[in-house]
N, C-alpha and C. Protein backbone atom coordinates (compact mmCIF):
# COMPACT_ATOMS: atom_id res chain seq x y z
N MET A 1 -44.37 25.39 38.00
CA MET A 1 -44.86 24.90 36.74
C MET A 1 -44.09 23.62 36.38
N SER A 2 -44.79 22.49 36.28
CA SER A 2 -44.10 21.27 35.94
C SER A 2 -44.26 20.99 34.45
N GLU A 3 -43.22 20.52 33.89
CA GLU A 3 -43.18 20.23 32.46
C GLU A 3 -43.44 18.75 32.26
N THR A 4 -44.31 18.41 31.36
CA THR A 4 -44.60 17.01 31.06
C THR A 4 -43.58 16.51 30.04
N ILE A 5 -42.91 15.45 30.42
CA ILE A 5 -41.89 14.86 29.54
C ILE A 5 -42.50 13.60 28.93
N PRO A 6 -42.40 13.48 27.61
CA PRO A 6 -42.93 12.27 26.97
C PRO A 6 -42.27 11.02 27.55
N ALA A 7 -43.04 9.95 27.66
CA ALA A 7 -42.56 8.70 28.26
C ALA A 7 -41.31 8.18 27.55
N GLU A 8 -41.28 8.28 26.23
CA GLU A 8 -40.14 7.79 25.47
C GLU A 8 -38.86 8.55 25.84
N LEU A 9 -38.98 9.86 26.00
CA LEU A 9 -37.84 10.69 26.40
C LEU A 9 -37.40 10.36 27.82
N ALA A 10 -38.36 10.22 28.72
CA ALA A 10 -38.04 9.87 30.11
C ALA A 10 -37.34 8.52 30.18
N GLN A 11 -37.81 7.57 29.40
CA GLN A 11 -37.19 6.24 29.39
C GLN A 11 -35.76 6.31 28.86
N ALA A 12 -35.56 7.05 27.77
CA ALA A 12 -34.22 7.19 27.20
C ALA A 12 -33.28 7.87 28.21
N ARG A 13 -33.77 8.89 28.89
CA ARG A 13 -32.96 9.58 29.90
C ARG A 13 -32.64 8.64 31.07
N GLY A 14 -33.60 7.82 31.46
CA GLY A 14 -33.35 6.86 32.53
C GLY A 14 -32.25 5.87 32.14
N THR A 15 -32.28 5.44 30.90
CA THR A 15 -31.24 4.53 30.41
C THR A 15 -29.88 5.22 30.44
N ILE A 16 -29.84 6.47 30.00
CA ILE A 16 -28.59 7.23 30.03
C ILE A 16 -28.09 7.37 31.47
N ASP A 17 -28.98 7.67 32.40
CA ASP A 17 -28.59 7.80 33.81
C ASP A 17 -27.99 6.49 34.34
N ASN A 18 -28.58 5.36 33.96
CA ASN A 18 -28.06 4.06 34.39
C ASN A 18 -26.68 3.79 33.79
N ILE A 19 -26.52 4.13 32.52
CA ILE A 19 -25.23 3.93 31.87
C ILE A 19 -24.18 4.83 32.52
N ASP A 20 -24.54 6.08 32.80
CA ASP A 20 -23.60 6.99 33.47
C ASP A 20 -23.16 6.44 34.82
N ALA A 21 -24.11 5.89 35.57
CA ALA A 21 -23.76 5.30 36.88
C ALA A 21 -22.81 4.12 36.69
N ALA A 22 -23.08 3.29 35.69
CA ALA A 22 -22.20 2.14 35.42
C ALA A 22 -20.80 2.62 35.03
N LEU A 23 -20.73 3.67 34.22
CA LEU A 23 -19.42 4.21 33.82
C LEU A 23 -18.63 4.69 35.04
N ILE A 24 -19.30 5.37 35.95
CA ILE A 24 -18.62 5.86 37.16
C ILE A 24 -18.08 4.69 37.98
N HIS A 25 -18.90 3.66 38.13
CA HIS A 25 -18.45 2.49 38.90
C HIS A 25 -17.30 1.78 38.20
N LEU A 26 -17.35 1.68 36.89
CA LEU A 26 -16.27 1.06 36.13
C LEU A 26 -14.98 1.88 36.23
N LEU A 27 -15.11 3.20 36.14
CA LEU A 27 -13.93 4.05 36.29
C LEU A 27 -13.33 3.91 37.68
N ALA A 28 -14.18 3.83 38.70
CA ALA A 28 -13.68 3.65 40.07
C ALA A 28 -12.90 2.35 40.19
N GLU A 29 -13.42 1.27 39.62
CA GLU A 29 -12.72 -0.02 39.65
C GLU A 29 -11.41 0.06 38.88
N ARG A 30 -11.44 0.73 37.73
CA ARG A 30 -10.22 0.86 36.93
C ARG A 30 -9.15 1.62 37.72
N PHE A 31 -9.55 2.69 38.39
CA PHE A 31 -8.57 3.46 39.15
C PHE A 31 -8.06 2.70 40.37
N LYS A 32 -8.86 1.83 40.96
CA LYS A 32 -8.35 0.98 42.03
C LYS A 32 -7.24 0.08 41.49
N CYS A 33 -7.45 -0.47 40.31
CA CYS A 33 -6.42 -1.33 39.70
C CYS A 33 -5.17 -0.54 39.34
N THR A 34 -5.37 0.65 38.78
CA THR A 34 -4.19 1.43 38.39
C THR A 34 -3.44 1.95 39.61
N GLN A 35 -4.14 2.16 40.73
CA GLN A 35 -3.44 2.55 41.96
C GLN A 35 -2.51 1.42 42.40
N ARG A 36 -3.00 0.19 42.29
CA ARG A 36 -2.15 -0.96 42.63
C ARG A 36 -0.93 -1.01 41.71
N VAL A 37 -1.16 -0.78 40.42
CA VAL A 37 -0.04 -0.75 39.46
C VAL A 37 0.95 0.34 39.86
N GLY A 38 0.44 1.50 40.26
CA GLY A 38 1.34 2.59 40.67
C GLY A 38 2.21 2.21 41.84
N HIS A 39 1.65 1.50 42.81
CA HIS A 39 2.44 1.06 43.96
C HIS A 39 3.47 0.00 43.55
N ILE A 40 3.07 -0.90 42.68
CA ILE A 40 4.02 -1.92 42.19
C ILE A 40 5.16 -1.25 41.44
N LYS A 41 4.84 -0.31 40.56
CA LYS A 41 5.89 0.41 39.81
C LYS A 41 6.82 1.15 40.77
N ALA A 42 6.25 1.81 41.77
CA ALA A 42 7.08 2.55 42.73
C ALA A 42 7.99 1.59 43.49
N ASP A 43 7.45 0.43 43.90
CA ASP A 43 8.26 -0.56 44.60
C ASP A 43 9.42 -1.06 43.75
N LEU A 44 9.17 -1.17 42.45
CA LEU A 44 10.20 -1.69 41.53
C LEU A 44 11.07 -0.60 40.93
N GLY A 45 10.77 0.65 41.26
CA GLY A 45 11.54 1.77 40.71
C GLY A 45 11.28 2.01 39.23
N LEU A 46 10.11 1.61 38.76
CA LEU A 46 9.76 1.79 37.35
C LEU A 46 9.15 3.17 37.13
N PRO A 47 9.28 3.70 35.92
CA PRO A 47 8.69 5.02 35.64
C PRO A 47 7.17 4.97 35.67
N ALA A 48 6.57 6.12 35.95
CA ALA A 48 5.11 6.22 36.03
C ALA A 48 4.46 5.97 34.67
N SER A 49 5.13 6.38 33.62
CA SER A 49 4.59 6.26 32.27
C SER A 49 5.26 5.10 31.54
N ASP A 50 4.50 4.40 30.73
CA ASP A 50 5.01 3.31 29.89
C ASP A 50 4.50 3.56 28.47
N PRO A 51 5.25 4.36 27.69
CA PRO A 51 4.78 4.75 26.36
C PRO A 51 4.43 3.58 25.45
N ASN A 52 5.16 2.48 25.53
CA ASN A 52 4.84 1.33 24.69
C ASN A 52 3.49 0.74 25.06
N ARG A 53 3.25 0.57 26.35
CA ARG A 53 1.96 0.05 26.81
C ARG A 53 0.83 1.00 26.43
N GLU A 54 1.06 2.29 26.62
CA GLU A 54 0.04 3.28 26.31
C GLU A 54 -0.31 3.27 24.82
N ALA A 55 0.70 3.16 23.96
CA ALA A 55 0.46 3.10 22.51
C ALA A 55 -0.33 1.84 22.15
N GLU A 56 0.00 0.73 22.77
CA GLU A 56 -0.72 -0.51 22.51
C GLU A 56 -2.17 -0.40 22.98
N GLN A 57 -2.38 0.22 24.13
CA GLN A 57 -3.73 0.40 24.64
C GLN A 57 -4.56 1.29 23.70
N ILE A 58 -3.94 2.32 23.16
CA ILE A 58 -4.64 3.20 22.24
C ILE A 58 -5.04 2.42 20.98
N ARG A 59 -4.11 1.64 20.44
CA ARG A 59 -4.43 0.82 19.25
C ARG A 59 -5.59 -0.13 19.56
N ARG A 60 -5.51 -0.78 20.70
CA ARG A 60 -6.55 -1.75 21.08
C ARG A 60 -7.90 -1.06 21.27
N LEU A 61 -7.90 0.08 21.97
CA LEU A 61 -9.15 0.79 22.23
C LEU A 61 -9.76 1.35 20.95
N ARG A 62 -8.91 1.85 20.04
CA ARG A 62 -9.43 2.36 18.76
C ARG A 62 -10.11 1.22 17.99
N ALA A 63 -9.50 0.05 17.99
CA ALA A 63 -10.10 -1.10 17.29
C ALA A 63 -11.42 -1.49 17.94
N LEU A 64 -11.45 -1.53 19.27
CA LEU A 64 -12.70 -1.85 19.97
C LEU A 64 -13.78 -0.81 19.67
N ALA A 65 -13.38 0.45 19.62
CA ALA A 65 -14.33 1.52 19.33
C ALA A 65 -14.92 1.33 17.93
N GLU A 66 -14.07 1.05 16.98
CA GLU A 66 -14.55 0.85 15.61
C GLU A 66 -15.53 -0.32 15.55
N GLU A 67 -15.19 -1.42 16.22
CA GLU A 67 -16.09 -2.58 16.25
C GLU A 67 -17.44 -2.24 16.88
N ALA A 68 -17.42 -1.35 17.87
CA ALA A 68 -18.64 -0.99 18.59
C ALA A 68 -19.41 0.15 17.93
N GLY A 69 -18.86 0.71 16.86
CA GLY A 69 -19.53 1.82 16.20
C GLY A 69 -19.33 3.15 16.91
N LEU A 70 -18.25 3.26 17.68
CA LEU A 70 -17.92 4.49 18.39
C LEU A 70 -16.77 5.17 17.67
N ASP A 71 -16.80 6.48 17.60
CA ASP A 71 -15.74 7.24 16.94
C ASP A 71 -14.40 6.93 17.61
N PRO A 72 -13.45 6.34 16.87
CA PRO A 72 -12.15 5.98 17.47
C PRO A 72 -11.35 7.20 17.93
N VAL A 73 -11.55 8.34 17.32
CA VAL A 73 -10.86 9.56 17.76
C VAL A 73 -11.36 9.94 19.15
N PHE A 74 -12.67 9.88 19.34
CA PHE A 74 -13.24 10.15 20.67
C PHE A 74 -12.70 9.15 21.68
N ALA A 75 -12.69 7.87 21.32
CA ALA A 75 -12.21 6.83 22.24
C ALA A 75 -10.76 7.10 22.63
N GLU A 76 -9.94 7.50 21.67
CA GLU A 76 -8.53 7.79 21.97
C GLU A 76 -8.41 8.99 22.90
N LYS A 77 -9.19 10.03 22.65
CA LYS A 77 -9.15 11.21 23.54
C LYS A 77 -9.57 10.83 24.96
N PHE A 78 -10.60 10.01 25.05
CA PHE A 78 -11.10 9.57 26.36
C PHE A 78 -10.03 8.77 27.09
N LEU A 79 -9.41 7.81 26.40
CA LEU A 79 -8.35 7.01 27.02
C LEU A 79 -7.16 7.89 27.40
N SER A 80 -6.79 8.81 26.52
CA SER A 80 -5.65 9.68 26.82
C SER A 80 -5.89 10.49 28.09
N PHE A 81 -7.11 10.98 28.26
CA PHE A 81 -7.45 11.73 29.47
C PHE A 81 -7.28 10.84 30.71
N ILE A 82 -7.78 9.61 30.63
CA ILE A 82 -7.68 8.68 31.75
C ILE A 82 -6.22 8.35 32.03
N VAL A 83 -5.46 8.06 30.99
CA VAL A 83 -4.05 7.68 31.16
C VAL A 83 -3.26 8.82 31.80
N GLN A 84 -3.52 10.06 31.39
CA GLN A 84 -2.81 11.20 31.99
C GLN A 84 -3.11 11.30 33.48
N GLU A 85 -4.34 11.03 33.87
CA GLU A 85 -4.70 11.05 35.29
C GLU A 85 -4.01 9.90 36.03
N VAL A 86 -3.95 8.75 35.42
CA VAL A 86 -3.27 7.59 36.02
C VAL A 86 -1.78 7.91 36.22
N ILE A 87 -1.16 8.47 35.21
CA ILE A 87 0.27 8.82 35.31
C ILE A 87 0.48 9.82 36.44
N ARG A 88 -0.41 10.79 36.55
CA ARG A 88 -0.30 11.77 37.64
C ARG A 88 -0.36 11.07 38.99
N HIS A 89 -1.27 10.11 39.13
CA HIS A 89 -1.36 9.34 40.37
C HIS A 89 -0.09 8.53 40.61
N HIS A 90 0.43 7.89 39.56
CA HIS A 90 1.64 7.08 39.70
C HIS A 90 2.83 7.95 40.12
N GLU A 91 2.92 9.14 39.54
CA GLU A 91 4.00 10.06 39.91
C GLU A 91 3.87 10.47 41.38
N ALA A 92 2.66 10.69 41.83
CA ALA A 92 2.43 11.06 43.23
C ALA A 92 2.84 9.94 44.17
N VAL A 93 2.52 8.70 43.80
CA VAL A 93 2.90 7.54 44.62
C VAL A 93 4.42 7.43 44.67
N ALA A 94 5.06 7.54 43.53
CA ALA A 94 6.52 7.46 43.48
C ALA A 94 7.16 8.57 44.30
N GLU A 95 6.62 9.78 44.19
CA GLU A 95 7.15 10.91 44.94
C GLU A 95 6.99 10.69 46.44
N SER A 96 5.85 10.14 46.85
CA SER A 96 5.64 9.90 48.28
C SER A 96 6.60 8.85 48.81
N ARG A 97 7.01 7.93 47.96
CA ARG A 97 8.00 6.91 48.38
C ARG A 97 9.37 7.53 48.59
N HIS A 98 9.68 8.56 47.79
CA HIS A 98 10.98 9.21 47.89
C HIS A 98 11.06 10.18 49.06
N THR A 99 9.92 10.69 49.50
CA THR A 99 9.93 11.69 50.58
C THR A 99 9.63 11.06 51.94
N SER A 100 9.24 9.79 51.96
CA SER A 100 8.95 9.20 53.28
C SER A 100 10.06 8.33 53.77
């Protein structure tokens, strides 16, 4: 049994699918950059986390979210999730440098 989806709904869903694909590609590019940062930090003996930078990024992202009409609390939660994953990667890179 196939369900008929109104054209307007199908179009909106198609747009969402395209945006989701763009987000995945953007996140992949962001993580490529943060991996490079992790290697640079490990080479320089710097800590995986930079609380001052992270706080500045949160302030900046909240302001961007407000300008874009996006809930800044959501934007902060989203960034915090990404930053925690980046820190985990940086710690892994630093650890691999110490064990090799």
